[in-house]
Amino acid sequence: MTVPKKIIKQCKKNNEKAQAYIFEKYAPELLSVCLRYMKDRAKAEDVMQDAFVTIFSKIKQYEGKGSFEGWMKKITLNTALLQLRKDKKEIISDNFDLYEGEEKIKEEKEFNPKNIQSVIEKAKFKQFEIIDIMNELPDGFRTVFNLYVIEGMKHKEIAEELGISVGTSKSQLMRARTKLKKILYKKALIKLKKK
């Protein structure tokens, strides 16, 4: 799914048809990037629109090195992270407590790590179900998880991008994975009971 060089060249001249071609071709893919960071679909669509504005305003800076798709994806990711900062949400906290008091004890009794993997596999979650479940993670966990697992960034890069320590990035990833497994396990048990 490569953009022809002539289309990119036309976009550099502000050709609206070329811009519409790129928008139509890549909007779904770039929206999926935004949805990984924004829980609200309307907000994700706004971020995607902002990303396209940036893409078209900076397209003259694209020199043909690396894939055009990768360049657009990086701009979209940066736009999403910028929006998270603008929203002044607490993206990362060193003091995330996964569970409090009695709720923690109850959940630990329900959670059986011996058979967790087999239960999750038996549930055969679809991709959209996993994405919905990932959206249940706290913002900090979800952001670090996406940057590390989906985007392939290293902890040092994540730390620099989010203004946190490498240790915090590692801790957020570990906690995200633990919480994600617990959520998947609970949902798998519910799903399997319905069968």
Protein backbone atom coordinates (compact mmCIF):
# COMPACT_ATOMS: atom_id res chain seq x y z
CA MET A 1 0.00 0.00 0.00
CA THR A 2 2.59 2.51 -1.16
CA VAL A 3 1.74 6.05 -2.18
CA PRO A 4 2.90 6.80 -5.74
CA LYS A 5 5.66 9.43 -5.86
CA LYS A 6 3.59 11.58 -8.22
CA ILE A 7 0.81 11.82 -5.58
CA ILE A 8 3.33 12.96 -2.95
CA LYS A 9 4.72 15.47 -5.45
CA GLN A 10 1.20 16.82 -6.08
CA CYS A 11 0.56 17.06 -2.33
CA LYS A 12 3.72 19.17 -2.01
CA LYS A 13 2.02 21.57 -4.46
CA ASN A 14 -1.15 21.60 -2.26
CA ASN A 15 -3.18 19.66 -4.83
CA GLU A 16 -6.52 18.92 -3.13
CA LYS A 17 -7.25 15.78 -5.18
CA ALA A 18 -3.89 14.27 -4.19
CA GLN A 19 -4.52 15.18 -0.55
CA ALA A 20 -7.99 13.60 -0.71
CA TYR A 21 -6.46 10.44 -2.21
CA ILE A 22 -4.00 10.13 0.69
CA PHE A 23 -6.68 10.91 3.26
CA GLU A 24 -9.08 8.28 1.91
CA LYS A 25 -6.36 5.67 1.59
CA TYR A 26 -4.78 6.15 5.03
CA ALA A 27 -7.52 7.53 7.31
CA PRO A 28 -8.56 4.07 8.62
CA GLU A 29 -4.97 3.05 9.42
CA LEU A 30 -4.11 6.36 11.11
CA LEU A 31 -7.40 6.37 13.01
CA SER A 32 -6.48 2.98 14.47
CA VAL A 33 -3.23 4.54 15.75
CA CYS A 34 -5.24 7.34 17.40
CA LEU A 35 -7.73 4.91 18.92
CA ARG A 36 -4.90 3.15 20.77
CA TYR A 37 -4.21 6.37 22.69
CA MET A 38 -7.62 8.07 22.90
CA LYS A 39 -10.41 6.20 24.65
CA ASP A 40 -13.09 8.33 22.99
CA ARG A 41 -13.66 7.74 19.25
CA ALA A 42 -14.66 11.36 18.57
CA LYS A 43 -11.44 12.54 20.24
CA ALA A 44 -9.44 10.00 18.19
CA GLU A 45 -11.03 11.32 14.98
CA ASP A 46 -10.12 14.90 15.97
CA VAL A 47 -6.52 13.82 16.62
CA MET A 48 -6.42 12.08 13.25
CA GLN A 49 -7.68 15.26 11.55
CA ASP A 50 -4.98 17.27 13.34
CA ALA A 51 -2.40 14.72 12.21
CA PHE A 52 -3.47 15.10 8.58
CA VAL A 53 -3.23 18.89 8.86
CA THR A 54 0.35 18.45 10.12
CA ILE A 55 1.14 15.86 7.43
CA PHE A 56 0.00 18.16 4.63
CA SER A 57 1.65 21.25 6.13
CA LYS A 58 4.98 19.44 6.59
CA ILE A 59 4.90 17.23 3.50
CA LYS A 60 7.62 19.34 1.83
CA GLN A 61 9.95 18.11 4.58
CA TYR A 62 9.47 14.50 3.47
CA GLU A 63 12.53 13.75 1.34
CA GLY A 64 11.67 10.21 0.28
CA LYS A 65 13.92 8.57 2.87
CA GLY A 66 12.06 5.72 4.54
CA SER A 67 8.45 4.89 3.85
CA PHE A 68 5.91 7.66 3.48
CA GLU A 69 3.45 5.55 5.48
CA GLY A 70 5.92 5.29 8.37
CA TRP A 71 6.48 9.06 8.24
CA MET A 72 2.72 9.70 8.44
CA LYS A 73 2.33 7.18 11.27
CA LYS A 74 5.09 8.88 13.28
CA ILE A 75 3.38 12.27 12.88
CA THR A 76 0.06 10.72 13.95
CA LEU A 77 1.64 9.12 17.01
CA ASN A 78 3.30 12.42 17.99
CA THR A 79 -0.03 14.23 17.51
CA ALA A 80 -1.79 11.72 19.79
CA LEU A 81 0.89 12.03 22.49
CA LEU A 82 0.76 15.83 22.23
CA GLN A 83 -3.01 15.70 22.71
CA LEU A 84 -2.61 13.54 25.81
CA ARG A 85 -0.27 16.18 27.24
CA LYS A 86 -2.65 19.01 26.28
CA ASP A 87 -5.51 17.28 28.04
CA LYS A 88 -3.34 17.52 31.15
CA LYS A 89 -4.22 13.97 32.01
CA GLU A 90 -1.90 12.27 34.40
CA ILE A 91 -0.34 10.04 31.77
CA ILE A 92 2.17 8.42 34.07
CA SER A 93 2.33 8.08 37.81
CA ASP A 94 4.98 6.34 39.88
CA ASN A 95 2.34 5.59 42.48
CA PHE A 96 -0.22 3.60 40.48
CA ASP A 97 -1.87 1.18 42.87
CA LEU A 98 -3.56 -1.54 40.87
CA TYR A 99 -6.07 -2.45 43.52
CA GLU A 100 -7.17 -1.20 46.90
CA GLY A 101 -8.03 -3.10 50.09
CA GLU A 102 -10.77 -5.73 49.99
CA GLU A 103 -11.15 -5.49 46.21
CA LYS A 104 -7.49 -6.52 45.85
CA ILE A 105 -7.92 -9.55 48.14
CA LYS A 106 -11.11 -10.65 46.36
CA GLU A 107 -9.50 -10.32 42.95
CA GLU A 108 -6.40 -12.26 43.99
CA LYS A 109 -8.61 -15.18 45.10
CA GLU A 110 -10.40 -15.20 41.72
CA PHE A 111 -7.16 -14.95 39.76
CA ASN A 112 -5.58 -18.36 39.17
CA PRO A 113 -2.21 -17.86 37.45
CA LYS A 114 -1.73 -21.62 36.93
CA ASN A 115 -4.29 -21.84 34.16
CA ILE A 116 -4.46 -18.23 32.98
CA GLN A 117 -2.84 -18.75 29.56
CA SER A 118 -4.97 -21.77 28.64
CA VAL A 119 -8.19 -20.03 29.73
CA ILE A 120 -7.35 -16.92 27.67
CA GLU A 121 -6.45 -19.05 24.62
CA LYS A 122 -9.71 -21.05 24.87
CA ALA A 123 -11.73 -17.80 24.79
CA LYS A 124 -10.35 -17.02 21.30
CA PHE A 125 -10.68 -13.26 21.57
CA LYS A 126 -11.06 -11.32 18.33
CA GLN A 127 -8.79 -8.37 17.59
CA PHE A 128 -11.52 -5.77 18.27
CA GLU A 129 -12.24 -7.40 21.64
CA ILE A 130 -8.59 -7.15 22.66
CA ILE A 131 -8.48 -3.49 21.62
CA ASP A 132 -11.59 -2.80 23.73
CA ILE A 133 -9.99 -4.59 26.66
CA MET A 134 -6.77 -2.59 26.22
CA ASN A 135 -8.86 0.57 26.51
CA GLU A 136 -9.80 -0.51 30.04
CA LEU A 137 -6.19 -0.01 31.14
CA PRO A 138 -5.38 3.24 32.98
CA ASP A 139 -4.00 5.90 30.61
CA GLY A 140 -0.39 5.54 31.78
CA PHE A 141 -0.37 1.77 31.45
CA ARG A 142 -2.07 1.86 28.04
CA THR A 143 0.26 4.55 26.68
CA VAL A 144 3.48 2.79 27.69
CA PHE A 145 2.12 -0.62 26.59
CA ASN A 146 1.22 0.73 23.14
CA LEU A 147 4.52 2.55 22.69
CA TYR A 148 6.55 -0.51 23.70
CA VAL A 149 4.54 -3.41 22.28
CA ILE A 150 2.79 -1.88 19.26
CA GLU A 151 5.15 0.92 18.20
CA GLY A 152 8.31 -1.02 19.10
CA MET A 153 9.91 1.82 21.03
CA LYS A 154 12.64 1.16 23.63
CA HIS A 155 12.16 2.20 27.26
CA LYS A 156 14.72 4.99 26.84
CA GLU A 157 12.74 6.44 23.90
CA ILE A 158 9.45 6.13 25.82
CA ALA A 159 10.99 7.85 28.83
CA GLU A 160 12.22 10.74 26.67
CA GLU A 161 8.90 11.01 24.79
CA LEU A 162 6.79 11.08 27.97
CA GLY A 163 9.20 12.89 30.28
CA ILE A 164 9.50 9.99 32.72
CA SER A 165 12.32 7.77 33.96
CA VAL A 166 13.30 4.52 32.25
CA GLY A 167 12.39 2.72 35.49
CA THR A 168 8.89 4.22 35.42
CA SER A 169 8.46 3.10 31.81
CA LYS A 170 9.50 -0.45 32.71
CA SER A 171 7.26 -0.50 35.77
CA GLN A 172 4.26 0.83 33.79
CA LEU A 173 4.78 -1.87 31.14
CA MET A 174 5.02 -4.63 33.75
CA ARG A 175 1.89 -3.38 35.50
CA ALA A 176 0.06 -3.00 32.18
CA ARG A 177 0.83 -6.59 31.23
CA THR A 178 -0.28 -7.88 34.63
CA LYS A 179 -3.53 -5.90 34.58
CA LEU A 180 -4.20 -6.85 30.95
CA LYS A 181 -3.78 -10.55 31.77
CA LYS A 182 -6.17 -10.22 34.70
CA ILE A 183 -8.79 -8.44 32.60
CA LEU A 184 -8.42 -10.97 29.77
CA TYR A 185 -8.67 -13.84 32.25
CA LYS A 186 -11.88 -12.47 33.82
CA LYS A 187 -13.46 -11.79 30.42
CA ALA A 188 -12.38 -15.23 29.19
CA LEU A 189 -14.08 -16.92 32.13
CA ILE A 190 -17.29 -14.99 31.38
CA LYS A 191 -17.05 -15.77 27.66
CA LEU A 192 -16.46 -19.48 28.26
CA LYS A 193 -19.40 -19.73 30.69
CA LYS A 194 -21.72 -18.43 27.94
CA LYS A 195 -20.66 -21.20 25.53
